[in-house]
Amino acid sequence: MTTFRLQRVTVRHLAGSKAPALHALDLEVRRGEQLALIGPSGAGKTTLLSTLACAHRPAEGRLEVLHQEPWRLTHGERHRLRAHLFLAPQTPPLPPRQRVVTAVLAARLPHWSLWRALASLVHPSDPQAAHAALARFGLGDKLYARVDRLSGGERQRCGLARLLLSSAEAFLVDEPIAALDPLLARHTLSILREEASARGATLVCSLHQVDLAREQFPRLVGLREGRIVFDAPSAEVSDAMIAELYANESVQPQTQPPHETPDRLAVGACY
């Protein structure tokens, strides 16, 4: 079964823009597949994830998501389709004054009534589930902290904890380890892959860390200037292919996560 199918899909950020963000892409992702999107900044990775999440409407081509064409659906039908997808942006949109427990439980909002959602703001409906999700990312002690008291990496992981409480069939994750040290980065990617495998969900993850993408994901899609340069099993992606993908870029691909005040996790917390 296919989760996503793109046929000659072109996406423009602005109506009438001459330079498309994505140009005539052909891509098929089967249910349960795990793949990483790599490529230089501005290559279109984030736009592709948003397009798969039905947040960007293609200007041309055909997009199928879970065997439906989202932009041929009514607004209500498209909203219900989106409930089967989980988009985790690099900077999660977490209200700064909100408690972490409330932010994580927001993953269940698509399936709650308005009254239950409002009641959960005062008395969280399932704090145990939120704690369990946070604990997998080493954040169990942050359950009742305010979001604005978290570091950048903690906010990223808080957003990913939401994913664990969702009922999504596809995870679309944008740069989830940008602020994490190497140990915590591998731990975080392992959790995402384990969760996707456990529920048979599709995982599409954009990464700047090419070595981790090659190590952790069985399939790599290289993007440059809104086009697919290669789509291949990781074992078949050579150093020469990576060099060509990033040719003439002033910033070369990271071989490990950045070290500017990274979040760190004690070794014992990984097990």
Protein backbone atom coordinates (compact mmCIF):
# COMPACT_ATOMS: atom_id res chain seq x y z
CA MET A 1 0.00 0.00 0.00
CA THR A 2 1.14 3.52 -0.77
CA THR A 3 1.12 6.33 1.79
CA PHE A 4 2.26 9.10 -0.56
CA ARG A 5 2.41 9.37 -4.33
CA LEU A 6 3.60 12.48 -6.16
CA GLN A 7 3.40 12.69 -9.93
CA ARG A 8 5.09 15.72 -11.53
CA VAL A 9 4.25 17.82 -8.46
CA THR A 10 5.32 21.46 -8.54
CA VAL A 11 4.85 23.71 -5.51
CA ARG A 12 5.22 27.48 -5.35
CA HIS A 13 5.34 29.46 -2.11
CA LEU A 14 3.61 32.44 -3.73
CA ALA A 15 0.95 32.38 -6.41
CA GLY A 16 2.51 33.22 -9.76
CA SER A 17 6.07 32.75 -8.48
CA LYS A 18 8.40 31.89 -11.36
CA ALA A 19 10.84 29.90 -9.22
CA PRO A 20 9.07 26.85 -7.74
CA ALA A 21 10.06 25.53 -4.33
CA LEU A 22 9.51 22.00 -5.69
CA HIS A 23 9.78 21.26 -9.39
CA ALA A 24 7.97 18.36 -11.11
CA LEU A 25 8.68 15.79 -8.38
CA ASP A 26 7.90 12.11 -8.82
CA LEU A 27 8.00 10.21 -5.54
CA GLU A 28 6.29 7.18 -4.05
CA VAL A 29 6.46 6.21 -0.38
CA ARG A 30 4.93 2.92 0.66
CA ARG A 31 3.25 2.27 3.97
CA GLY A 32 5.73 1.52 6.73
CA GLU A 33 8.74 2.85 4.81
CA GLN A 34 11.36 4.93 6.61
CA LEU A 35 13.31 7.44 4.57
CA ALA A 36 15.44 10.51 5.12
CA LEU A 37 15.42 13.68 3.03
CA ILE A 38 18.86 15.23 2.68
CA GLY A 39 20.24 18.17 0.75
CA PRO A 40 21.54 21.71 1.21
CA SER A 41 19.55 24.45 2.91
CA GLY A 42 16.83 25.73 0.63
CA ALA A 43 16.65 22.47 -1.30
CA GLY A 44 12.94 22.06 -0.59
CA LYS A 45 12.98 19.49 2.23
CA THR A 46 10.66 21.43 4.54
CA THR A 47 8.36 22.33 1.66
CA LEU A 48 8.13 18.68 0.65
CA LEU A 49 7.21 17.64 4.20
CA SER A 50 4.54 20.36 4.35
CA THR A 51 3.19 19.27 0.98
CA LEU A 52 2.92 15.67 2.17
CA ALA A 53 1.10 16.99 5.25
CA CYS A 54 -1.46 18.70 3.00
CA ALA A 55 -0.31 22.15 4.15
CA HIS A 56 0.91 23.28 0.69
CA ARG A 57 -1.30 22.92 -2.35
CA PRO A 58 0.60 21.88 -5.48
CA ALA A 59 0.46 24.32 -8.37
CA GLU A 60 0.81 21.44 -10.83
CA GLY A 61 0.83 17.65 -10.80
CA ARG A 62 -1.00 15.04 -8.77
CA LEU A 63 -0.65 14.34 -5.05
CA GLU A 64 -2.14 11.29 -3.35
CA VAL A 65 -2.10 10.87 0.42
CA LEU A 66 -3.40 7.60 1.85
CA HIS A 67 -5.04 6.89 -1.52
CA GLN A 68 -6.91 10.21 -1.55
CA GLU A 69 -6.26 13.41 -3.45
CA PRO A 70 -6.42 15.94 -0.60
CA TRP A 71 -7.04 18.99 -2.74
CA ARG A 72 -10.08 17.39 -4.37
CA LEU A 73 -11.68 16.84 -0.95
CA THR A 74 -13.93 19.20 0.94
CA HIS A 75 -12.38 21.22 3.76
CA GLY A 76 -13.89 18.87 6.33
CA GLU A 77 -12.72 15.74 4.52
CA ARG A 78 -9.21 17.17 4.19
CA HIS A 79 -9.18 18.01 7.91
CA ARG A 80 -10.07 14.40 8.73
CA LEU A 81 -7.32 13.18 6.41
CA ARG A 82 -4.77 15.38 8.18
CA ALA A 83 -5.68 13.66 11.45
CA HIS A 84 -3.90 10.59 10.07
CA LEU A 85 -0.68 12.58 9.53
CA PHE A 86 1.71 14.07 12.08
CA LEU A 87 3.93 16.95 11.00
CA ALA A 88 6.68 17.77 13.50
CA PRO A 89 8.31 21.08 12.48
CA GLN A 90 11.85 21.93 13.52
CA THR A 91 10.47 24.60 15.86
CA PRO A 92 7.28 23.17 17.38
CA PRO A 93 4.45 25.72 17.75
CA LEU A 94 4.17 25.35 21.52
CA PRO A 95 2.47 28.17 23.47
CA PRO A 96 5.21 29.55 25.78
CA ARG A 97 3.00 29.88 28.88
CA GLN A 98 1.51 26.44 28.49
CA ARG A 99 2.52 23.55 30.71
CA VAL A 100 4.41 20.75 28.99
CA VAL A 101 1.75 18.18 29.92
CA THR A 102 -0.90 20.25 28.12
CA ALA A 103 1.32 20.77 25.09
CA VAL A 104 1.95 17.03 24.73
CA LEU A 105 -1.68 16.05 25.22
CA ALA A 106 -2.59 18.44 22.40
CA ALA A 107 -1.74 15.54 20.07
CA ARG A 108 -5.17 14.14 20.92
CA LEU A 109 -7.10 17.31 20.08
CA PRO A 110 -8.24 16.02 16.65
CA HIS A 111 -10.17 13.28 18.43
CA TRP A 112 -11.57 15.33 21.35
CA SER A 113 -14.72 17.38 21.64
CA LEU A 114 -14.37 21.10 22.34
CA TRP A 115 -15.50 20.62 25.93
CA ARG A 116 -12.99 17.85 26.62
CA ALA A 117 -10.20 19.96 25.14
CA LEU A 118 -11.13 22.93 27.33
CA ALA A 119 -11.41 20.74 30.43
CA SER A 120 -7.95 19.29 29.79
CA LEU A 121 -6.44 22.78 29.94
CA VAL A 122 -7.42 22.90 33.63
CA HIS A 123 -7.12 19.23 34.57
CA PRO A 124 -4.98 17.28 32.08
CA SER A 125 -6.99 14.27 30.97
CA ASP A 126 -4.19 11.71 30.86
CA PRO A 127 -1.00 12.97 32.51
CA GLN A 128 0.34 9.43 32.84
CA ALA A 129 0.40 9.01 29.07
CA ALA A 130 2.08 12.39 28.64
CA HIS A 131 4.71 11.47 31.24
CA ALA A 132 5.42 8.13 29.54
CA ALA A 133 5.90 9.85 26.18
CA LEU A 134 8.18 12.51 27.66
CA ALA A 135 10.18 9.91 29.59
CA ARG A 136 11.13 8.15 26.35
CA PHE A 137 12.88 11.37 25.32
CA GLY A 138 14.47 11.91 28.75
CA LEU A 139 11.98 14.64 29.73
CA GLY A 140 9.86 12.91 32.36
CA ASP A 141 10.83 15.51 34.96
CA LYS A 142 9.48 18.34 32.75
CA LEU A 143 5.84 17.21 32.86
CA TYR A 144 4.52 20.28 34.69
CA ALA A 145 7.19 22.77 33.59
CA ARG A 146 6.22 25.74 31.45
CA VAL A 147 7.20 25.51 27.80
CA ASP A 148 9.13 28.79 27.95
CA ARG A 149 11.42 27.26 30.59
CA LEU A 150 12.64 24.58 28.18
CA SER A 151 15.79 24.77 26.09
CA GLY A 152 15.54 24.63 22.30
CA GLY A 153 16.39 20.94 22.22
CA GLU A 154 13.88 20.19 24.99
CA ARG A 155 11.15 21.98 23.04
CA GLN A 156 12.03 19.87 19.99
CA ARG A 157 11.72 16.67 22.02
CA CYS A 158 8.50 17.91 23.64
CA GLY A 159 7.08 18.28 20.13
CA LEU A 160 8.20 14.75 19.30
CA ALA A 161 6.56 13.42 22.48
CA ARG A 162 3.30 14.65 20.97
CA LEU A 163 3.94 12.29 18.08
CA LEU A 164 3.93 9.30 20.43
CA LEU A 165 0.42 10.21 21.63
CA SER A 166 -0.98 10.76 18.16
CA SER A 167 -2.83 8.13 16.17
CA ALA A 168 -1.04 9.08 12.96
CA GLU A 169 -0.27 6.62 10.19
CA ALA A 170 2.55 8.79 8.85
CA PHE A 171 5.21 10.83 10.68
CA LEU A 172 6.67 13.83 8.85
CA VAL A 173 9.58 15.10 10.91
CA ASP A 174 11.67 18.17 10.07
CA GLU A 175 15.22 18.39 11.47
CA PRO A 176 14.42 16.71 14.83
CA ILE A 177 18.02 16.65 16.13
CA ALA A 178 19.31 20.12 15.21
CA ALA A 179 20.06 21.05 18.83
CA LEU A 180 21.11 17.68 20.22
CA ASP A 181 24.48 16.12 20.93
CA PRO A 182 25.48 12.90 19.07
CA LEU A 183 24.32 10.48 21.78
CA LEU A 184 20.94 12.13 22.22
CA ALA A 185 20.54 12.54 18.46
CA ARG A 186 20.90 8.79 17.87
CA HIS A 187 18.60 8.05 20.80
CA THR A 188 15.94 10.39 19.40
CA LEU A 189 16.10 8.93 15.90
CA SER A 190 15.93 5.42 17.34
CA ILE A 191 12.73 6.26 19.22
CA LEU A 192 11.13 7.68 16.07
CA ARG A 193 12.09 4.61 14.05
CA GLU A 194 10.98 2.19 16.78
CA GLU A 195 7.59 3.91 17.13
CA ALA A 196 7.02 3.91 13.38
CA SER A 197 7.94 0.22 13.16
CA ALA A 198 5.74 -0.71 16.12
CA ARG A 199 2.61 0.74 14.55
CA GLY A 200 3.51 0.13 10.89
CA ALA A 201 3.59 3.86 10.25
CA THR A 202 5.48 5.66 7.50
CA LEU A 203 8.39 7.88 8.59
CA VAL A 204 9.79 10.69 6.45
CA CYS A 205 12.50 12.70 8.19
CA SER A 206 14.60 15.62 6.91
CA LEU A 207 18.16 15.75 8.21
CA HIS A 208 21.28 17.87 7.76
CA GLN A 209 23.38 15.18 9.46
CA VAL A 210 24.22 13.05 6.43
CA ASP A 211 26.18 10.44 8.37
CA LEU A 212 23.22 9.78 10.67
CA ALA A 213 20.83 9.68 7.71
CA ARG A 214 22.97 7.01 6.05
CA GLU A 215 23.35 5.09 9.31
CA GLN A 216 19.74 5.22 10.52
CA PHE A 217 17.54 5.16 7.41
CA PRO A 218 17.27 2.45 4.76
CA ARG A 219 16.30 4.91 2.00
CA LEU A 220 17.68 8.35 1.16
CA VAL A 221 16.16 11.01 -1.08
CA GLY A 222 18.57 13.77 -2.06
CA LEU A 223 17.03 17.14 -2.90
CA ARG A 224 18.66 20.16 -4.49
CA GLU A 225 16.99 23.31 -5.80
CA GLY A 226 13.56 21.72 -5.50
CA ARG A 227 14.45 18.64 -7.55
CA ILE A 228 15.20 15.05 -6.62
CA VAL A 229 18.85 14.33 -7.40
CA PHE A 230 18.73 10.71 -6.25
CA ASP A 231 16.35 8.30 -4.54
CA ALA A 232 18.14 5.13 -3.49
CA PRO A 233 18.81 2.61 -0.72
CA SER A 234 21.30 4.08 1.75
CA ALA A 235 23.83 1.36 0.98
CA GLU A 236 23.91 2.52 -2.64
CA VAL A 237 24.45 6.21 -1.87
CA SER A 238 28.16 6.83 -2.40
CA ASP A 239 30.39 9.59 -1.09
CA ALA A 240 30.58 10.90 -4.66
CA MET A 241 26.79 11.21 -4.80
CA ILE A 242 26.79 13.14 -1.51
CA ALA A 243 29.60 15.41 -2.74
CA GLU A 244 27.67 16.16 -5.93
CA LEU A 245 24.48 16.87 -3.96
CA TYR A 246 26.28 19.50 -1.88
CA ALA A 247 28.64 20.76 -4.61
CA ASN A 248 29.47 24.47 -4.48
CA GLU A 249 27.62 24.92 -1.19
CA SER A 250 29.27 27.34 1.23
CA VAL A 251 27.97 25.26 4.16
CA GLN A 252 28.80 21.57 3.81
CA PRO A 253 26.63 18.80 5.29
CA GLN A 254 27.06 18.22 9.00
CA THR A 255 28.78 15.03 10.00
CA GLN A 256 27.43 15.37 13.52
CA PRO A 257 24.87 17.60 15.23
CA PRO A 258 26.00 21.17 16.02
CA HIS A 259 27.75 21.81 19.32
CA GLU A 260 26.30 25.20 20.22
CA THR A 261 24.78 24.55 23.65
CA PRO A 262 23.42 21.12 22.70
CA ASP A 263 21.01 19.21 24.86
CA ARG A 264 22.71 16.25 26.46
CA LEU A 265 21.33 13.02 27.89
CA ALA A 266 23.17 10.87 30.40
CA VAL A 267 24.11 7.51 28.96
CA GLY A 268 22.00 5.65 31.48
CA ALA A 269 18.87 7.52 30.39
CA CYS A 270 19.02 5.93 26.96
CA TYR A 271 18.09 2.51 28.24
